[in-house]
Amino acid sequence: MTHKLTIEGHKEADIFLVKEIANRLGLITSEITQQRLTKAESLALLDKIAGSWEGPETGDELNAMIYGSRSFGNRDVEL
């Protein structure tokens, strides 16, 4: 008798782990299909991970600080 198990998950690492366990147990696995996100879902995820910078500096001042902290000179490194 054959049984079929469907697993839905959001973390690729978790799905990979379940597939690896199935392989180690000698079970037959089918390929993993990945569902594409809608544009609204993608934007909602972006809002969760993207933040904003709050500080007294303006964008131009931040750029000047970044460029000013770089060093462009001869380094004593032999390649």
C-alpha atoms as a PDB file:
ATOM      1  CA  MET A   1       0.000   0.000   0.000  1.00  0.00           C
ATOM      2  CA  THR A   2       1.321   3.419  -0.939  1.00  0.00           C
ATOM      3  CA  HIS A   3       0.751   6.492   1.187  1.00  0.00           C
ATOM      4  CA  LYS A   4       1.259  10.062   0.093  1.00  0.00           C
ATOM      5  CA  LEU A   5       2.213  12.864   2.479  1.00  0.00           C
ATOM      6  CA  THR A   6       1.992  16.521   1.518  1.00  0.00           C
ATOM      7  CA  ILE A   7       3.982  19.023   3.561  1.00  0.00           C
ATOM      8  CA  GLU A   8       3.579  22.757   3.206  1.00  0.00           C
ATOM      9  CA  GLY A   9       6.121  25.112   4.683  1.00  0.00           C
ATOM     10  CA  HIS A  10       7.533  28.569   4.342  1.00  0.00           C
ATOM     11  CA  LYS A  11      11.145  27.936   5.307  1.00  0.00           C
ATOM     12  CA  GLU A  12      13.206  26.238   2.636  1.00  0.00           C
ATOM     13  CA  ALA A  13      15.615  24.843   5.241  1.00  0.00           C
ATOM     14  CA  ASP A  14      12.778  23.068   7.066  1.00  0.00           C
ATOM     15  CA  ILE A  15      11.458  21.494   3.855  1.00  0.00           C
ATOM     16  CA  PHE A  16      14.984  20.390   2.951  1.00  0.00           C
ATOM     17  CA  LEU A  17      15.341  18.767   6.379  1.00  0.00           C
ATOM     18  CA  VAL A  18      12.100  16.809   5.984  1.00  0.00           C
ATOM     19  CA  LYS A  19      13.159  15.684   2.503  1.00  0.00           C
ATOM     20  CA  GLU A  20      16.566  14.607   3.817  1.00  0.00           C
ATOM     21  CA  ILE A  21      14.955  12.574   6.616  1.00  0.00           C
ATOM     22  CA  ALA A  22      12.669  10.882   4.067  1.00  0.00           C
ATOM     23  CA  ASN A  23      15.683  10.029   1.910  1.00  0.00           C
ATOM     24  CA  ARG A  24      17.560   8.566   4.886  1.00  0.00           C
ATOM     25  CA  LEU A  25      14.540   6.422   5.757  1.00  0.00           C
ATOM     26  CA  GLY A  26      14.507   5.093   2.203  1.00  0.00           C
ATOM     27  CA  LEU A  27      11.205   6.690   1.293  1.00  0.00           C
ATOM     28  CA  ILE A  28      10.501   7.799  -2.231  1.00  0.00           C
ATOM     29  CA  THR A  29      10.228  11.564  -2.501  1.00  0.00           C
ATOM     30  CA  SER A  30       8.943  13.673  -5.317  1.00  0.00           C
ATOM     31  CA  GLU A  31      10.330  17.020  -6.283  1.00  0.00           C
ATOM     32  CA  ILE A  32       9.616  20.053  -4.175  1.00  0.00           C
ATOM     33  CA  THR A  33       7.446  22.677  -5.820  1.00  0.00           C
ATOM     34  CA  GLN A  34       7.723  26.279  -4.795  1.00  0.00           C
ATOM     35  CA  GLN A  35       4.733  28.581  -4.885  1.00  0.00           C
ATOM     36  CA  ARG A  36       5.366  32.054  -6.237  1.00  0.00           C
ATOM     37  CA  LEU A  37       4.324  34.969  -4.079  1.00  0.00           C
ATOM     38  CA  THR A  38       1.948  37.604  -5.302  1.00  0.00           C
ATOM     39  CA  LYS A  39       3.229  41.139  -5.639  1.00  0.00           C
ATOM     40  CA  ALA A  40       1.286  42.165  -2.516  1.00  0.00           C
ATOM     41  CA  GLU A  41       2.826  39.279  -0.521  1.00  0.00           C
ATOM     42  CA  SER A  42       6.306  40.198  -1.753  1.00  0.00           C
ATOM     43  CA  LEU A  43       5.845  43.820  -0.741  1.00  0.00           C
ATOM     44  CA  ALA A  44       4.515  42.779   2.680  1.00  0.00           C
ATOM     45  CA  LEU A  45       7.637  40.647   3.235  1.00  0.00           C
ATOM     46  CA  LEU A  46       9.857  43.509   2.102  1.00  0.00           C
ATOM     47  CA  ASP A  47       8.172  45.820   4.614  1.00  0.00           C
ATOM     48  CA  LYS A  48       8.947  43.320   7.387  1.00  0.00           C
ATOM     49  CA  ILE A  49      12.682  43.198   6.670  1.00  0.00           C
ATOM     50  CA  ALA A  50      13.385  46.667   5.284  1.00  0.00           C
ATOM     51  CA  GLY A  51      13.755  49.507   7.680  1.00  0.00           C
ATOM     52  CA  SER A  52      14.558  53.141   7.592  1.00  0.00           C
ATOM     53  CA  TRP A  53      17.316  55.204   9.079  1.00  0.00           C
ATOM     54  CA  GLU A  54      16.328  57.707  11.680  1.00  0.00           C
ATOM     55  CA  GLY A  55      18.907  60.219  12.668  1.00  0.00           C
ATOM     56  CA  PRO A  56      19.768  63.894  12.623  1.00  0.00           C
ATOM     57  CA  GLU A  57      21.952  63.535   9.513  1.00  0.00           C
ATOM     58  CA  THR A  58      20.660  64.227   6.032  1.00  0.00           C
ATOM     59  CA  GLY A  59      21.231  61.800   3.193  1.00  0.00           C
ATOM     60  CA  ASP A  60      24.034  63.976   1.817  1.00  0.00           C
ATOM     61  CA  GLU A  61      25.710  64.070   5.238  1.00  0.00           C
ATOM     62  CA  LEU A  62      25.506  60.278   5.527  1.00  0.00           C
ATOM     63  CA  ASN A  63      27.044  59.894   2.077  1.00  0.00           C
ATOM     64  CA  ALA A  64      29.842  62.279   3.021  1.00  0.00           C
ATOM     65  CA  MET A  65      30.497  60.303   6.226  1.00  0.00           C
ATOM     66  CA  ILE A  66      30.664  57.014   4.301  1.00  0.00           C
ATOM     67  CA  TYR A  67      32.965  58.353   1.609  1.00  0.00           C
ATOM     68  CA  GLY A  68      35.068  60.199   4.183  1.00  0.00           C
ATOM     69  CA  SER A  69      35.696  57.043   6.180  1.00  0.00           C
ATOM     70  CA  ARG A  70      37.075  55.170   3.181  1.00  0.00           C
ATOM     71  CA  SER A  71      40.795  55.013   2.713  1.00  0.00           C
ATOM     72  CA  PHE A  72      42.367  54.937  -0.706  1.00  0.00           C
ATOM     73  CA  GLY A  73      46.070  54.616  -0.406  1.00  0.00           C
ATOM     74  CA  ASN A  74      48.966  52.308  -0.878  1.00  0.00           C
ATOM     75  CA  ARG A  75      48.790  49.299   1.339  1.00  0.00           C
ATOM     76  CA  ASP A  76      51.788  47.361   2.464  1.00  0.00           C
ATOM     77  CA  VAL A  77      50.436  44.096   1.117  1.00  0.00           C
ATOM     78  CA  GLU A  78      52.348  41.931  -1.302  1.00  0.00           C
ATOM     79  CA  LEU A  79      50.149  40.017  -3.717  1.00  0.00           C
END
